[in-house]
C-alpha atoms as a PDB file:
ATOM      1  CA  MET A   1      56.344 266.411 -79.488  1.00  0.00           C
ATOM      2  CA  ILE A   2      59.080 268.825 -80.703  1.00  0.00           C
ATOM      3  CA  LYS A   3      57.974 270.492 -83.986  1.00  0.00           C
ATOM      4  CA  GLY A   4      60.367 272.496 -85.988  1.00  0.00           C
ATOM      5  CA  TYR A   5      63.648 274.039 -85.125  1.00  0.00           C
ATOM      6  CA  GLN A   6      64.271 277.112 -82.580  1.00  0.00           C
ATOM      7  CA  SER A   7      66.499 279.780 -82.825  1.00  0.00           C
ATOM      8  CA  LEU A   8      66.552 282.151 -79.781  1.00  0.00           C
ATOM      9  CA  HIS A   9      69.077 284.385 -81.372  1.00  0.00           C
ATOM     10  CA  THR A  10      67.129 286.899 -83.723  1.00  0.00           C
ATOM     11  CA  HIS A  11      67.427 290.572 -84.344  1.00  0.00           C
ATOM     12  CA  THR A  12      64.937 293.095 -85.879  1.00  0.00           C
ATOM     13  CA  THR A  13      64.660 296.790 -86.868  1.00  0.00           C
ATOM     14  CA  TYR A  14      64.893 297.563 -83.129  1.00  0.00           C
ATOM     15  CA  CYS A  15      68.673 297.368 -83.739  1.00  0.00           C
ATOM     16  CA  ASP A  16      70.413 296.009 -86.851  1.00  0.00           C
ATOM     17  CA  GLY A  17      67.992 293.418 -88.275  1.00  0.00           C
ATOM     18  CA  THR A  18      66.007 294.218 -91.661  1.00  0.00           C
ATOM     19  CA  LEU A  19      62.668 293.211 -90.851  1.00  0.00           C
ATOM     20  CA  SER A  20      60.051 293.624 -87.857  1.00  0.00           C
ATOM     21  CA  ALA A  21      59.515 291.226 -85.028  1.00  0.00           C
ATOM     22  CA  GLU A  22      56.158 289.919 -86.837  1.00  0.00           C
ATOM     23  CA  GLU A  23      57.800 289.606 -90.180  1.00  0.00           C
ATOM     24  CA  MET A  24      60.392 287.606 -88.671  1.00  0.00           C
ATOM     25  CA  ILE A  25      57.841 285.374 -87.130  1.00  0.00           C
ATOM     26  CA  ILE A  26      56.106 284.766 -90.563  1.00  0.00           C
ATOM     27  CA  ALA A  27      59.145 283.989 -92.014  1.00  0.00           C
ATOM     28  CA  ALA A  28      60.013 281.534 -89.377  1.00  0.00           C
ATOM     29  CA  ILE A  29      56.462 279.904 -89.800  1.00  0.00           C
ATOM     30  CA  LYS A  30      57.079 279.662 -93.743  1.00  0.00           C
ATOM     31  CA  LYS A  31      60.555 278.070 -93.098  1.00  0.00           C
ATOM     32  CA  GLY A  32      58.824 275.297 -90.978  1.00  0.00           C
ATOM     33  CA  GLY A  33      60.202 276.380 -87.774  1.00  0.00           C
ATOM     34  CA  GLY A  34      58.870 275.729 -84.361  1.00  0.00           C
ATOM     35  CA  SER A  35      59.565 278.613 -82.440  1.00  0.00           C
ATOM     36  CA  ILE A  36      61.646 281.692 -82.315  1.00  0.00           C
ATOM     37  CA  GLY A  37      63.148 284.127 -79.711  1.00  0.00           C
ATOM     38  CA  PHE A  38      64.048 287.641 -80.045  1.00  0.00           C
ATOM     39  CA  SER A  39      67.562 288.839 -78.579  1.00  0.00           C
ATOM     40  CA  GLU A  40      67.853 292.326 -79.384  1.00  0.00           C
ATOM     41  CA  HIS A  41      71.425 293.933 -78.809  1.00  0.00           C
ATOM     42  CA  SER A  42      71.472 295.604 -75.371  1.00  0.00           C
ATOM     43  CA  PHE A  43      72.121 299.439 -75.292  1.00  0.00           C
ATOM     44  CA  VAL A  44      75.851 300.023 -75.293  1.00  0.00           C
ATOM     45  CA  PRO A  45      76.720 303.931 -74.370  1.00  0.00           C
ATOM     46  CA  PHE A  46      79.947 304.026 -76.033  1.00  0.00           C
ATOM     47  CA  ASP A  47      78.829 302.012 -79.430  1.00  0.00           C
ATOM     48  CA  PRO A  48      74.988 302.742 -80.052  1.00  0.00           C
ATOM     49  CA  GLU A  49      74.929 302.103 -83.747  1.00  0.00           C
ATOM     50  CA  TYR A  50      74.372 298.384 -83.695  1.00  0.00           C
ATOM     51  CA  SER A  51      72.392 298.310 -80.353  1.00  0.00           C
ATOM     52  CA  MET A  52      68.714 298.993 -79.336  1.00  0.00           C
ATOM     53  CA  LYS A  53      68.055 302.389 -77.970  1.00  0.00           C
ATOM     54  CA  LEU A  54      67.412 302.425 -74.470  1.00  0.00           C
ATOM     55  CA  GLU A  55      64.307 304.301 -74.555  1.00  0.00           C
ATOM     56  CA  ASP A  56      63.295 301.462 -77.149  1.00  0.00           C
ATOM     57  CA  THR A  57      63.637 298.857 -74.741  1.00  0.00           C
ATOM     58  CA  PRO A  58      60.165 299.058 -72.994  1.00  0.00           C
ATOM     59  CA  ALA A  59      58.423 299.222 -76.327  1.00  0.00           C
ATOM     60  CA  TYR A  60      60.402 296.025 -77.727  1.00  0.00           C
ATOM     61  CA  ILE A  61      59.230 294.163 -74.593  1.00  0.00           C
ATOM     62  CA  ILE A  62      55.597 295.217 -74.902  1.00  0.00           C
ATOM     63  CA  GLU A  63      55.606 294.169 -78.844  1.00  0.00           C
ATOM     64  CA  VAL A  64      57.386 290.945 -78.312  1.00  0.00           C
ATOM     65  CA  ASN A  65      54.744 290.026 -75.432  1.00  0.00           C
ATOM     66  CA  ALA A  66      51.740 290.866 -77.747  1.00  0.00           C
ATOM     67  CA  LEU A  67      53.055 288.578 -80.312  1.00  0.00           C
ATOM     68  CA  LYS A  68      53.507 286.057 -77.927  1.00  0.00           C
ATOM     69  CA  GLU A  69      50.093 286.263 -77.146  1.00  0.00           C
ATOM     70  CA  LYS A  70      48.723 286.593 -81.001  1.00  0.00           C
ATOM     71  CA  TYR A  71      50.668 283.398 -81.805  1.00  0.00           C
ATOM     72  CA  LYS A  72      50.127 281.356 -78.695  1.00  0.00           C
ATOM     73  CA  ASP A  73      47.994 278.816 -80.239  1.00  0.00           C
ATOM     74  CA  SER A  74      49.871 278.272 -83.321  1.00  0.00           C
ATOM     75  CA  PHE A  75      53.676 279.229 -82.717  1.00  0.00           C
ATOM     76  CA  GLU A  76      56.116 279.410 -79.880  1.00  0.00           C
ATOM     77  CA  VAL A  77      57.613 283.172 -79.463  1.00  0.00           C
ATOM     78  CA  TYR A  78      60.018 284.026 -76.733  1.00  0.00           C
ATOM     79  CA  LEU A  79      61.258 287.407 -75.316  1.00  0.00           C
ATOM     80  CA  GLY A  80      65.149 287.622 -74.794  1.00  0.00           C
ATOM     81  CA  LEU A  81      68.045 289.851 -74.944  1.00  0.00           C
ATOM     82  CA  GLU A  82      71.640 289.784 -76.280  1.00  0.00           C
ATOM     83  CA  MET A  83      72.965 291.420 -73.161  1.00  0.00           C
ATOM     84  CA  ASP A  84      76.206 292.966 -73.726  1.00  0.00           C
ATOM     85  CA  TYR A  85      79.131 292.799 -70.952  1.00  0.00           C
ATOM     86  CA  PHE A  86      79.320 296.546 -71.124  1.00  0.00           C
ATOM     87  CA  THR A  87      75.655 296.956 -70.453  1.00  0.00           C
ATOM     88  CA  ASP A  88      74.668 298.041 -66.994  1.00  0.00           C
ATOM     89  CA  LYS A  89      71.232 296.839 -66.432  1.00  0.00           C
ATOM     90  CA  ARG A  90      69.049 294.021 -67.314  1.00  0.00           C
ATOM     91  CA  PRO A  91      65.444 294.578 -68.158  1.00  0.00           C
ATOM     92  CA  LYS A  92      62.716 292.592 -65.946  1.00  0.00           C
ATOM     93  CA  GLY A  93      60.363 290.258 -67.583  1.00  0.00           C
ATOM     94  CA  LEU A  94      62.696 288.464 -70.053  1.00  0.00           C
ATOM     95  CA  ASP A  95      62.158 284.817 -70.705  1.00  0.00           C
ATOM     96  CA  TYR A  96      66.020 284.431 -71.304  1.00  0.00           C
ATOM     97  CA  VAL A  97      69.528 286.525 -71.810  1.00  0.00           C
ATOM     98  CA  ILE A  98      72.296 285.679 -74.037  1.00  0.00           C
ATOM     99  CA  GLY A  99      75.363 287.076 -72.617  1.00  0.00           C
ATOM    100  CA  ALA A 100      77.799 288.493 -75.288  1.00  0.00           C
ATOM    101  CA  VAL A 101      81.280 290.067 -75.427  1.00  0.00           C
ATOM    102  CA  HIS A 102      81.721 292.395 -78.586  1.00  0.00           C
ATOM    103  CA  HIS A 103      84.496 294.601 -77.144  1.00  0.00           C
ATOM    104  CA  VAL A 104      87.765 294.532 -75.169  1.00  0.00           C
ATOM    105  CA  GLU A 105      88.589 297.299 -72.745  1.00  0.00           C
ATOM    106  CA  LYS A 106      92.001 298.647 -72.922  1.00  0.00           C
ATOM    107  CA  GLY A 107      93.207 301.784 -71.066  1.00  0.00           C
ATOM    108  CA  GLY A 108      89.746 303.423 -71.170  1.00  0.00           C
ATOM    109  CA  ILE A 109      89.462 302.601 -74.961  1.00  0.00           C
ATOM    110  CA  TYR A 110      86.659 300.161 -76.171  1.00  0.00           C
ATOM    111  CA  ILE A 111      87.711 298.032 -79.009  1.00  0.00           C
ATOM    112  CA  THR A 112      85.343 296.030 -81.079  1.00  0.00           C
ATOM    113  CA  VAL A 113      86.276 292.670 -82.050  1.00  0.00           C
ATOM    114  CA  ASP A 114      82.881 292.440 -83.908  1.00  0.00           C
ATOM    115  CA  GLY A 115      83.886 294.883 -86.743  1.00  0.00           C
ATOM    116  CA  PRO A 116      86.103 294.930 -90.039  1.00  0.00           C
ATOM    117  CA  ALA A 117      89.302 293.177 -89.747  1.00  0.00           C
ATOM    118  CA  LYS A 118      91.218 296.331 -90.864  1.00  0.00           C
ATOM    119  CA  HIS A 119      89.972 298.025 -87.681  1.00  0.00           C
ATOM    120  CA  LEU A 120      91.121 295.144 -85.433  1.00  0.00           C
ATOM    121  CA  HIS A 121      94.604 295.114 -87.059  1.00  0.00           C
ATOM    122  CA  LYS A 122      94.809 298.850 -86.137  1.00  0.00           C
ATOM    123  CA  MET A 123      93.645 298.379 -82.793  1.00  0.00           C
ATOM    124  CA  ALA A 124      96.089 295.593 -82.094  1.00  0.00           C
ATOM    125  CA  ALA A 125      98.973 297.536 -83.280  1.00  0.00           C
ATOM    126  CA  MET A 126      97.903 300.847 -81.126  1.00  0.00           C
ATOM    127  CA  HIS A 127      96.913 298.963 -78.034  1.00  0.00           C
ATOM    128  CA  PHE A 128      98.588 295.706 -77.870  1.00  0.00           C
ATOM    129  CA  ASN A 129     102.067 296.365 -79.818  1.00  0.00           C
ATOM    130  CA  ARG A 130     100.547 293.668 -82.290  1.00  0.00           C
ATOM    131  CA  ASP A 131     100.477 291.104 -79.954  1.00  0.00           C
ATOM    132  CA  TYR A 132      97.273 289.362 -81.039  1.00  0.00           C
ATOM    133  CA  TYR A 133      97.713 286.596 -78.263  1.00  0.00           C
ATOM    134  CA  ALA A 134      97.574 289.238 -75.740  1.00  0.00           C
ATOM    135  CA  MET A 135      94.404 290.768 -77.426  1.00  0.00           C
ATOM    136  CA  ALA A 136      92.720 287.443 -77.392  1.00  0.00           C
ATOM    137  CA  GLU A 137      93.784 286.871 -73.654  1.00  0.00           C
ATOM    138  CA  SER A 138      92.104 290.100 -72.725  1.00  0.00           C
ATOM    139  CA  TYR A 139      88.907 289.028 -74.899  1.00  0.00           C
ATOM    140  CA  TYR A 140      88.756 285.744 -73.019  1.00  0.00           C
ATOM    141  CA  GLU A 141      89.376 287.213 -69.680  1.00  0.00           C
ATOM    142  CA  THR A 142      86.138 289.305 -70.299  1.00  0.00           C
ATOM    143  CA  VAL A 143      84.107 286.713 -71.546  1.00  0.00           C
ATOM    144  CA  ALA A 144      85.088 284.621 -68.493  1.00  0.00           C
ATOM    145  CA  ASN A 145      83.033 287.415 -66.478  1.00  0.00           C
ATOM    146  CA  VAL A 146      80.110 287.470 -68.561  1.00  0.00           C
ATOM    147  CA  VAL A 147      77.765 285.400 -66.490  1.00  0.00           C
ATOM    148  CA  SER A 148      78.505 287.234 -63.660  1.00  0.00           C
ATOM    149  CA  LYS A 149      77.984 290.667 -65.295  1.00  0.00           C
ATOM    150  CA  THR A 150      74.760 289.845 -67.289  1.00  0.00           C
ATOM    151  CA  GLY A 151      73.092 286.902 -65.463  1.00  0.00           C
ATOM    152  CA  ALA A 152      73.237 284.949 -68.967  1.00  0.00           C
ATOM    153  CA  ASP A 153      71.141 281.909 -69.592  1.00  0.00           C
ATOM    154  CA  ILE A 154      73.116 281.354 -72.623  1.00  0.00           C
ATOM    155  CA  ILE A 155      76.937 282.083 -73.869  1.00  0.00           C
ATOM    156  CA  GLY A 156      76.723 284.033 -77.110  1.00  0.00           C
ATOM    157  CA  HIS A 157      79.503 283.455 -79.800  1.00  0.00           C
ATOM    158  CA  PHE A 158      81.979 282.255 -77.474  1.00  0.00           C
ATOM    159  CA  ASP A 159      84.832 282.730 -79.608  1.00  0.00           C
ATOM    160  CA  LEU A 160      83.626 285.875 -81.690  1.00  0.00           C
ATOM    161  CA  ILE A 161      87.462 287.105 -81.273  1.00  0.00           C
ATOM    162  CA  ALA A 162      88.052 284.873 -84.112  1.00  0.00           C
ATOM    163  CA  LYS A 163      85.748 286.306 -86.450  1.00  0.00           C
ATOM    164  CA  ASN A 164      88.114 288.039 -88.732  1.00  0.00           C
ATOM    165  CA  ASN A 165      90.989 285.287 -88.413  1.00  0.00           C
ATOM    166  CA  ASP A 166      89.540 282.863 -91.045  1.00  0.00           C
ATOM    167  CA  ASP A 167      92.890 283.778 -92.875  1.00  0.00           C
ATOM    168  CA  GLY A 168      95.103 283.149 -89.845  1.00  0.00           C
ATOM    169  CA  SER A 169      96.718 286.425 -89.955  1.00  0.00           C
ATOM    170  CA  MET A 170      95.998 287.506 -86.255  1.00  0.00           C
ATOM    171  CA  PHE A 171      96.693 284.544 -84.442  1.00  0.00           C
ATOM    172  CA  ASP A 172      96.928 280.564 -84.575  1.00  0.00           C
ATOM    173  CA  GLU A 173      93.832 279.362 -82.754  1.00  0.00           C
ATOM    174  CA  MET A 174      95.856 276.199 -81.718  1.00  0.00           C
ATOM    175  CA  HIS A 175      98.588 278.005 -80.184  1.00  0.00           C
ATOM    176  CA  PRO A 176      98.936 277.237 -76.650  1.00  0.00           C
ATOM    177  CA  ARG A 177      98.351 281.019 -75.530  1.00  0.00           C
ATOM    178  CA  TYR A 178      95.254 281.112 -77.463  1.00  0.00           C
ATOM    179  CA  ILE A 179      94.044 277.535 -76.369  1.00  0.00           C
ATOM    180  CA  SER A 180      94.789 278.494 -72.473  1.00  0.00           C
ATOM    181  CA  ALA A 181      92.862 281.496 -72.625  1.00  0.00           C
ATOM    182  CA  ALA A 182      89.870 280.198 -74.396  1.00  0.00           C
ATOM    183  CA  ILE A 183      89.692 277.043 -72.120  1.00  0.00           C
ATOM    184  CA  SER A 184      90.303 279.141 -68.901  1.00  0.00           C
ATOM    185  CA  ALA A 185      87.374 281.319 -69.994  1.00  0.00           C
ATOM    186  CA  MET A 186      85.301 278.217 -70.851  1.00  0.00           C
ATOM    187  CA  GLU A 187      85.920 276.531 -67.579  1.00  0.00           C
ATOM    188  CA  ARG A 188      84.939 279.574 -65.608  1.00  0.00           C
ATOM    189  CA  VAL A 189      81.853 280.099 -67.315  1.00  0.00           C
ATOM    190  CA  ILE A 190      80.559 276.769 -67.245  1.00  0.00           C
ATOM    191  CA  LYS A 191      80.458 276.827 -63.439  1.00  0.00           C
ATOM    192  CA  GLU A 192      77.519 279.445 -63.824  1.00  0.00           C
ATOM    193  CA  CYS A 193      76.042 278.611 -67.207  1.00  0.00           C
ATOM    194  CA  LYS A 194      76.456 275.320 -68.884  1.00  0.00           C
ATOM    195  CA  ILE A 195      74.495 276.571 -72.277  1.00  0.00           C
ATOM    196  CA  PHE A 196      76.869 277.925 -75.431  1.00  0.00           C
ATOM    197  CA  GLU A 197      74.950 278.533 -78.452  1.00  0.00           C
ATOM    198  CA  ILE A 198      76.130 276.848 -81.896  1.00  0.00           C
ATOM    199  CA  ASN A 199      76.048 280.223 -83.803  1.00  0.00           C
ATOM    200  CA  THR A 200      75.868 279.959 -87.522  1.00  0.00           C
ATOM    201  CA  GLY A 201      75.545 283.754 -88.183  1.00  0.00           C
ATOM    202  CA  ALA A 202      79.059 284.242 -89.426  1.00  0.00           C
ATOM    203  CA  MET A 203      78.704 281.106 -91.974  1.00  0.00           C
ATOM    204  CA  TYR A 204      75.664 282.819 -93.620  1.00  0.00           C
ATOM    205  CA  ARG A 205      77.157 286.440 -93.554  1.00  0.00           C
ATOM    206  CA  ARG A 206      80.679 285.750 -93.989  1.00  0.00           C
ATOM    207  CA  GLY A 207      81.014 282.453 -95.744  1.00  0.00           C
ATOM    208  CA  LEU A 208      82.846 280.822 -92.694  1.00  0.00           C
ATOM    209  CA  SER A 209      83.149 277.073 -92.659  1.00  0.00           C
ATOM    210  CA  ALA A 210      82.520 276.927 -89.091  1.00  0.00           C
ATOM    211  CA  PRO A 211      80.309 278.117 -86.317  1.00  0.00           C
ATOM    212  CA  TYR A 212      81.100 279.736 -82.990  1.00  0.00           C
ATOM    213  CA  PRO A 213      82.347 278.017 -81.224  1.00  0.00           C
ATOM    214  CA  ALA A 214      85.095 276.295 -83.208  1.00  0.00           C
ATOM    215  CA  VAL A 215      84.965 272.595 -83.629  1.00  0.00           C
ATOM    216  CA  HIS A 216      88.107 272.135 -81.141  1.00  0.00           C
ATOM    217  CA  LEU A 217      86.357 274.372 -78.665  1.00  0.00           C
ATOM    218  CA  LEU A 218      83.214 272.576 -79.015  1.00  0.00           C
ATOM    219  CA  LYS A 219      85.113 269.237 -78.234  1.00  0.00           C
ATOM    220  CA  GLU A 220      86.696 270.754 -75.081  1.00  0.00           C
ATOM    221  CA  LEU A 221      83.335 272.078 -74.076  1.00  0.00           C
ATOM    222  CA  GLN A 222      81.642 268.403 -74.363  1.00  0.00           C
ATOM    223  CA  LYS A 223      84.690 267.090 -72.336  1.00  0.00           C
ATOM    224  CA  ARG A 224      83.756 269.655 -69.439  1.00  0.00           C
ATOM    225  CA  GLY A 225      80.055 268.961 -69.325  1.00  0.00           C
ATOM    226  CA  GLY A 226      78.965 271.716 -71.149  1.00  0.00           C
ATOM    227  CA  GLU A 227      75.690 271.868 -73.006  1.00  0.00           C
ATOM    228  CA  VAL A 228      74.692 273.162 -76.634  1.00  0.00           C
ATOM    229  CA  ILE A 229      71.755 275.292 -78.487  1.00  0.00           C
ATOM    230  CA  LEU A 230      71.406 276.080 -82.048  1.00  0.00           C
ATOM    231  CA  SER A 231      71.235 279.528 -83.009  1.00  0.00           C
ATOM    232  CA  SER A 232      71.341 281.334 -86.598  1.00  0.00           C
ATOM    233  CA  ASP A 233      71.902 284.907 -85.187  1.00  0.00           C
ATOM    234  CA  SER A 234      69.487 286.168 -87.640  1.00  0.00           C
ATOM    235  CA  HIS A 235      69.333 289.678 -88.895  1.00  0.00           C
ATOM    236  CA  ASP A 236      67.264 288.721 -91.665  1.00  0.00           C
ATOM    237  CA  ALA A 237      64.544 285.881 -93.080  1.00  0.00           C
ATOM    238  CA  GLU A 238      66.955 284.198 -95.199  1.00  0.00           C
ATOM    239  CA  SER A 239      69.269 283.283 -92.379  1.00  0.00           C
ATOM    240  CA  LEU A 240      66.549 281.571 -90.109  1.00  0.00           C
ATOM    241  CA  TYR A 241      67.679 278.110 -88.852  1.00  0.00           C
ATOM    242  CA  TYR A 242      70.698 278.269 -91.375  1.00  0.00           C
ATOM    243  CA  LYS A 243      72.639 275.114 -91.706  1.00  0.00           C
ATOM    244  CA  PHE A 244      70.793 273.505 -88.457  1.00  0.00           C
ATOM    245  CA  ASP A 245      70.778 270.173 -90.206  1.00  0.00           C
ATOM    246  CA  GLU A 246      74.639 270.088 -90.446  1.00  0.00           C
ATOM    247  CA  MET A 247      74.944 271.536 -87.046  1.00  0.00           C
ATOM    248  CA  ARG A 248      73.051 268.726 -85.488  1.00  0.00           C
ATOM    249  CA  GLU A 249      75.284 266.186 -87.114  1.00  0.00           C
ATOM    250  CA  LEU A 250      78.513 268.474 -86.055  1.00  0.00           C
ATOM    251  CA  VAL A 251      77.673 268.435 -82.524  1.00  0.00           C
ATOM    252  CA  LYS A 252      76.879 264.497 -82.678  1.00  0.00           C
ATOM    253  CA  SER A 253      80.317 264.137 -83.943  1.00  0.00           C
ATOM    254  CA  CYS A 254      81.883 266.229 -81.037  1.00  0.00           C
ATOM    255  CA  GLY A 255      80.338 263.795 -78.818  1.00  0.00           C
ATOM    256  CA  PHE A 256      76.951 265.711 -77.601  1.00  0.00           C
ATOM    257  CA  LYS A 257      73.789 263.329 -77.224  1.00  0.00           C
ATOM    258  CA  TYR A 258      71.538 266.275 -77.037  1.00  0.00           C
ATOM    259  CA  ILE A 259      70.866 270.068 -77.697  1.00  0.00           C
ATOM    260  CA  LYS A 260      68.865 272.275 -75.628  1.00  0.00           C
ATOM    261  CA  ARG A 261      65.483 273.821 -76.367  1.00  0.00           C
ATOM    262  CA  LEU A 262      63.530 276.544 -74.460  1.00  0.00           C
ATOM    263  CA  THR A 263      59.846 275.510 -73.531  1.00  0.00           C
ATOM    264  CA  LYS A 264      57.273 277.323 -71.656  1.00  0.00           C
ATOM    265  CA  LYS A 265      58.561 275.354 -68.810  1.00  0.00           C
ATOM    266  CA  GLY A 266      62.379 276.227 -69.169  1.00  0.00           C
ATOM    267  CA  PHE A 267      65.011 274.568 -71.109  1.00  0.00           C
ATOM    268  CA  ILE A 268      64.754 270.802 -71.881  1.00  0.00           C
ATOM    269  CA  ASP A 269      66.916 268.195 -73.696  1.00  0.00           C
ATOM    270  CA  GLU A 270      66.369 267.364 -77.422  1.00  0.00           C
ATOM    271  CA  LYS A 271      67.739 264.347 -78.423  1.00  0.00           C
ATOM    272  CA  LEU A 272      69.847 264.283 -81.143  1.00  0.00           C
END
């Protein structure tokens, strides 16, 4: 019997989270969750501030495995990694990997799409001649290759490039160029990895009205045989399982019949 919600996208003090792994487990239990998966940001050499230090990775793996053992009779704990496209080496012994793109490379310059809007506008002017669609195309071309680069089991925040576009100041997300780039990436990714996370992190932190991927992209994903898994992309206790009840209804409205869930025997279908 499935008990409580699961989120496999969780961060701790090993990178940019606010609590330790065990503190997050305790918080998840208090919220009535059924399981949790840890997925620290993999080390990115040109942007180390938000990612886990390379030398801390072994300690992270040891600690989460110890917590899996400690809580094995009462709560499920999984060991994962949010592996960035620009990370070179995948550690061994993980239960799963979330493949993610946080940067666009242009002429040897790495442009973060996950930072302040002001920075992204500046980078678009400097490197894309203010052609935001060209920047989005570059982003989605990178996303298209994220599975082959990371071996991802789950696609993380597929349309992260739209994080700072809630006011529509960069591009129209229904514009043919944007849609073409996103759908092309989706179709290439889905050949290797069908599971896309429904990520509510920006809804919690930025007050956005919709998750990643956007609703119109979720409908396209459903048409193409993609699958979804709920994720709160939590960096603190309060955000765990954020708006999961609403997300279940949302994905049902997009035509999905089930969400995925990781178990000790692998991913299963959880009927909506």
